[in-house]
Structure formats: C-alpha cells, structure tokens
Amino acid sequence: MRADNSAHLAEAAQQRSLACIERVQAVLNALERDGGAVTVVGVAARAGVSRTFLYDPDQASLLTRFA
C-alpha cells in the first residue's frame, strides 16, 4: 500500500500559490513605483504566472490593484 502523501502535496501547492502571489505583488509594486502600464498580460508575464492565475477568484484582491 502506498503512503498517503496528500498532505505534502497540498502543502506544496499552497507554497507555490503563495510564491506566485508574492511575485505578482512585487511586480505590481514595481509598476506602481516606476509608473509602468499595469495590465493582466504584462503582470502575468513579468511575474511568471498565468493569466488564469490572476483571474482566479482566490486572487480577486490582486485584481483590485489593477483598477
């Protein structure tokens, strides 16, 4: 019987998500500081995340910074 690794997988997924959020926030901070254009496509590319990640309902607070 295989070991139940689901807790480890869930933790790893959570850590990846938090890392993505940190990268997006850093990009948004840089764009606000430098006066760059803030677009979903541009932020996603610079942060190394997908546009789908940014549009996910769990990331709604990130999208409010685009307004």
N, C-alpha and C. Protein backbone atom coordinates (compact mmCIF):
# COMPACT_ATOMS: atom_id res chain seq x y z
N MET A 1 0.83 -1.18 0.00
CA MET A 1 0.00 0.00 0.00
C MET A 1 0.88 1.25 0.00
N ARG A 2 0.50 2.22 -0.79
CA ARG A 2 1.26 3.46 -0.89
C ARG A 2 0.99 4.37 0.31
N ALA A 3 2.00 5.15 0.62
CA ALA A 3 1.84 6.13 1.69
C ALA A 3 0.93 7.25 1.22
N ASP A 4 0.19 7.82 2.15
CA ASP A 4 -0.70 8.93 1.83
C ASP A 4 0.11 10.23 1.85
N ASN A 5 0.44 10.74 0.67
CA ASN A 5 1.22 11.97 0.55
C ASN A 5 0.36 13.19 0.29
N SER A 6 -0.94 13.06 0.42
CA SER A 6 -1.83 14.16 0.06
C SER A 6 -1.56 15.41 0.89
N ALA A 7 -1.22 15.26 2.16
CA ALA A 7 -0.94 16.44 2.98
C ALA A 7 0.30 17.17 2.45
N HIS A 8 1.31 16.42 2.03
CA HIS A 8 2.52 17.03 1.48
C HIS A 8 2.24 17.71 0.14
N LEU A 9 1.43 17.07 -0.67
CA LEU A 9 1.07 17.67 -1.96
C LEU A 9 0.28 18.95 -1.76
N ALA A 10 -0.65 18.96 -0.83
CA ALA A 10 -1.44 20.16 -0.55
C ALA A 10 -0.56 21.28 -0.03
N GLU A 11 0.38 20.96 0.82
CA GLU A 11 1.31 21.95 1.35
C GLU A 11 2.18 22.53 0.24
N ALA A 12 2.66 21.68 -0.64
CA ALA A 12 3.49 22.14 -1.76
C ALA A 12 2.69 23.06 -2.68
N ALA A 13 1.45 22.71 -2.95
CA ALA A 13 0.60 23.55 -3.79
C ALA A 13 0.36 24.90 -3.14
N GLN A 14 0.14 24.90 -1.83
CA GLN A 14 -0.07 26.15 -1.10
C GLN A 14 1.17 27.02 -1.16
N GLN A 15 2.33 26.42 -1.02
CA GLN A 15 3.59 27.17 -1.08
C GLN A 15 3.81 27.77 -2.47
N ARG A 16 3.49 26.99 -3.52
CA ARG A 16 3.62 27.52 -4.90
C ARG A 16 2.69 28.70 -5.10
N SER A 17 1.46 28.58 -4.61
CA SER A 17 0.49 29.66 -4.75
C SER A 17 0.98 30.92 -4.03
N LEU A 18 1.48 30.77 -2.82
CA LEU A 18 1.99 31.92 -2.07
C LEU A 18 3.18 32.56 -2.77
N ALA A 19 4.04 31.74 -3.37
CA ALA A 19 5.19 32.27 -4.10
C ALA A 19 4.72 33.08 -5.32
N CYS A 20 3.69 32.58 -6.00
CA CYS A 20 3.13 33.30 -7.15
C CYS A 20 2.55 34.64 -6.71
N ILE A 21 1.82 34.63 -5.61
CA ILE A 21 1.22 35.87 -5.10
C ILE A 21 2.31 36.88 -4.75
N GLU A 22 3.38 36.43 -4.12
CA GLU A 22 4.48 37.32 -3.77
C GLU A 22 5.11 37.93 -5.02
N ARG A 23 5.29 37.11 -6.06
CA ARG A 23 5.87 37.63 -7.31
C ARG A 23 4.95 38.66 -7.95
N VAL A 24 3.65 38.38 -7.97
CA VAL A 24 2.70 39.33 -8.55
C VAL A 24 2.72 40.63 -7.77
N GLN A 25 2.71 40.55 -6.45
CA GLN A 25 2.75 41.77 -5.64
C GLN A 25 4.01 42.57 -5.88
N ALA A 26 5.13 41.89 -6.03
CA ALA A 26 6.39 42.58 -6.30
C ALA A 26 6.34 43.31 -7.64
N VAL A 27 5.77 42.66 -8.65
CA VAL A 27 5.65 43.28 -9.97
C VAL A 27 4.71 44.49 -9.89
N LEU A 28 3.59 44.34 -9.21
CA LEU A 28 2.65 45.45 -9.08
C LEU A 28 3.29 46.63 -8.34
N ASN A 29 4.04 46.33 -7.29
CA ASN A 29 4.73 47.40 -6.56
C ASN A 29 5.73 48.11 -7.46
N ALA A 30 6.47 47.35 -8.25
CA ALA A 30 7.45 47.96 -9.15
C ALA A 30 6.77 48.81 -10.21
N LEU A 31 5.66 48.33 -10.76
CA LEU A 31 4.95 49.10 -11.78
C LEU A 31 4.35 50.37 -11.20
N GLU A 32 3.84 50.29 -10.00
CA GLU A 32 3.29 51.49 -9.35
C GLU A 32 4.40 52.50 -9.06
N ARG A 33 5.54 52.00 -8.59
CA ARG A 33 6.66 52.86 -8.25
C ARG A 33 7.25 53.52 -9.50
N ASP A 34 7.37 52.73 -10.58
CA ASP A 34 8.03 53.21 -11.79
C ASP A 34 7.06 53.84 -12.78
N GLY A 35 5.77 53.73 -12.52
CA GLY A 35 4.78 54.34 -13.41
C GLY A 35 4.51 53.56 -14.67
N GLY A 36 4.77 52.27 -14.66
CA GLY A 36 4.53 51.45 -15.85
C GLY A 36 3.07 51.11 -16.02
N ALA A 37 2.73 50.66 -17.22
CA ALA A 37 1.36 50.25 -17.51
C ALA A 37 1.06 48.95 -16.78
N VAL A 38 -0.09 48.91 -16.12
CA VAL A 38 -0.49 47.73 -15.36
C VAL A 38 -1.58 47.02 -16.15
N THR A 39 -1.21 45.90 -16.76
CA THR A 39 -2.16 45.08 -17.50
C THR A 39 -2.03 43.65 -17.01
N VAL A 40 -3.09 42.90 -17.16
CA VAL A 40 -3.06 41.49 -16.75
C VAL A 40 -1.98 40.75 -17.52
N VAL A 41 -1.92 40.97 -18.81
CA VAL A 41 -0.93 40.28 -19.65
C VAL A 41 0.49 40.63 -19.21
N GLY A 42 0.74 41.91 -19.00
CA GLY A 42 2.08 42.36 -18.61
C GLY A 42 2.49 41.86 -17.24
N VAL A 43 1.58 41.94 -16.28
CA VAL A 43 1.89 41.48 -14.93
C VAL A 43 2.13 39.97 -14.93
N ALA A 44 1.28 39.23 -15.62
CA ALA A 44 1.44 37.78 -15.68
C ALA A 44 2.79 37.41 -16.27
N ALA A 45 3.18 38.08 -17.35
CA ALA A 45 4.46 37.78 -18.00
C ALA A 45 5.63 38.10 -17.08
N ARG A 46 5.60 39.27 -16.46
CA ARG A 46 6.72 39.68 -15.60
C ARG A 46 6.80 38.85 -14.33
N ALA A 47 5.65 38.41 -13.81
CA ALA A 47 5.65 37.63 -12.57
C ALA A 47 5.84 36.14 -12.81
N GLY A 48 5.74 35.73 -14.06
CA GLY A 48 5.90 34.31 -14.37
C GLY A 48 4.71 33.47 -13.94
N VAL A 49 3.52 34.07 -14.02
CA VAL A 49 2.29 33.34 -13.68
C VAL A 49 1.37 33.38 -14.89
N SER A 50 0.35 32.55 -14.88
CA SER A 50 -0.60 32.56 -15.98
C SER A 50 -1.66 33.64 -15.76
N ARG A 51 -2.26 34.06 -16.83
CA ARG A 51 -3.39 34.99 -16.71
C ARG A 51 -4.54 34.33 -15.97
N THR A 52 -4.68 33.04 -16.16
CA THR A 52 -5.72 32.29 -15.45
C THR A 52 -5.52 32.40 -13.95
N PHE A 53 -4.28 32.35 -13.50
CA PHE A 53 -3.99 32.50 -12.08
C PHE A 53 -4.50 33.85 -11.58
N LEU A 54 -4.27 34.90 -12.34
CA LEU A 54 -4.70 36.23 -11.92
C LEU A 54 -6.22 36.38 -11.90
N TYR A 55 -6.90 35.70 -12.81
CA TYR A 55 -8.35 35.79 -12.88
C TYR A 55 -9.06 34.83 -11.93
N ASP A 56 -8.31 33.96 -11.26
CA ASP A 56 -8.90 33.02 -10.31
C ASP A 56 -9.59 33.81 -9.19
N PRO A 57 -10.79 33.40 -8.79
CA PRO A 57 -11.50 34.12 -7.72
C PRO A 57 -10.69 34.25 -6.43
N ASP A 58 -9.81 33.32 -6.17
CA ASP A 58 -8.98 33.41 -4.96
C ASP A 58 -7.98 34.57 -5.03
N GLN A 59 -7.73 35.08 -6.23
CA GLN A 59 -6.78 36.18 -6.41
C GLN A 59 -7.49 37.50 -6.65
N ALA A 60 -8.76 37.59 -6.31
CA ALA A 60 -9.55 38.80 -6.57
C ALA A 60 -8.89 40.04 -5.96
N SER A 61 -8.26 39.89 -4.81
CA SER A 61 -7.63 41.05 -4.17
C SER A 61 -6.47 41.59 -5.01
N LEU A 62 -5.81 40.71 -5.77
CA LEU A 62 -4.74 41.17 -6.65
C LEU A 62 -5.30 41.98 -7.80
N LEU A 63 -6.41 41.54 -8.34
CA LEU A 63 -7.02 42.24 -9.49
C LEU A 63 -7.51 43.63 -9.11
N THR A 64 -7.88 43.83 -7.86
CA THR A 64 -8.35 45.17 -7.46
C THR A 64 -7.24 46.20 -7.57
N ARG A 65 -6.00 45.74 -7.54
CA ARG A 65 -4.88 46.68 -7.67
C ARG A 65 -4.70 47.14 -9.12
N PHE A 66 -5.39 46.49 -10.06
CA PHE A 66 -5.28 46.87 -11.47
C PHE A 66 -6.15 48.08 -11.78
N ALA A 67 -7.12 48.36 -10.94
CA ALA A 67 -8.08 49.43 -11.23
C ALA A 67 -7.49 50.79 -11.01
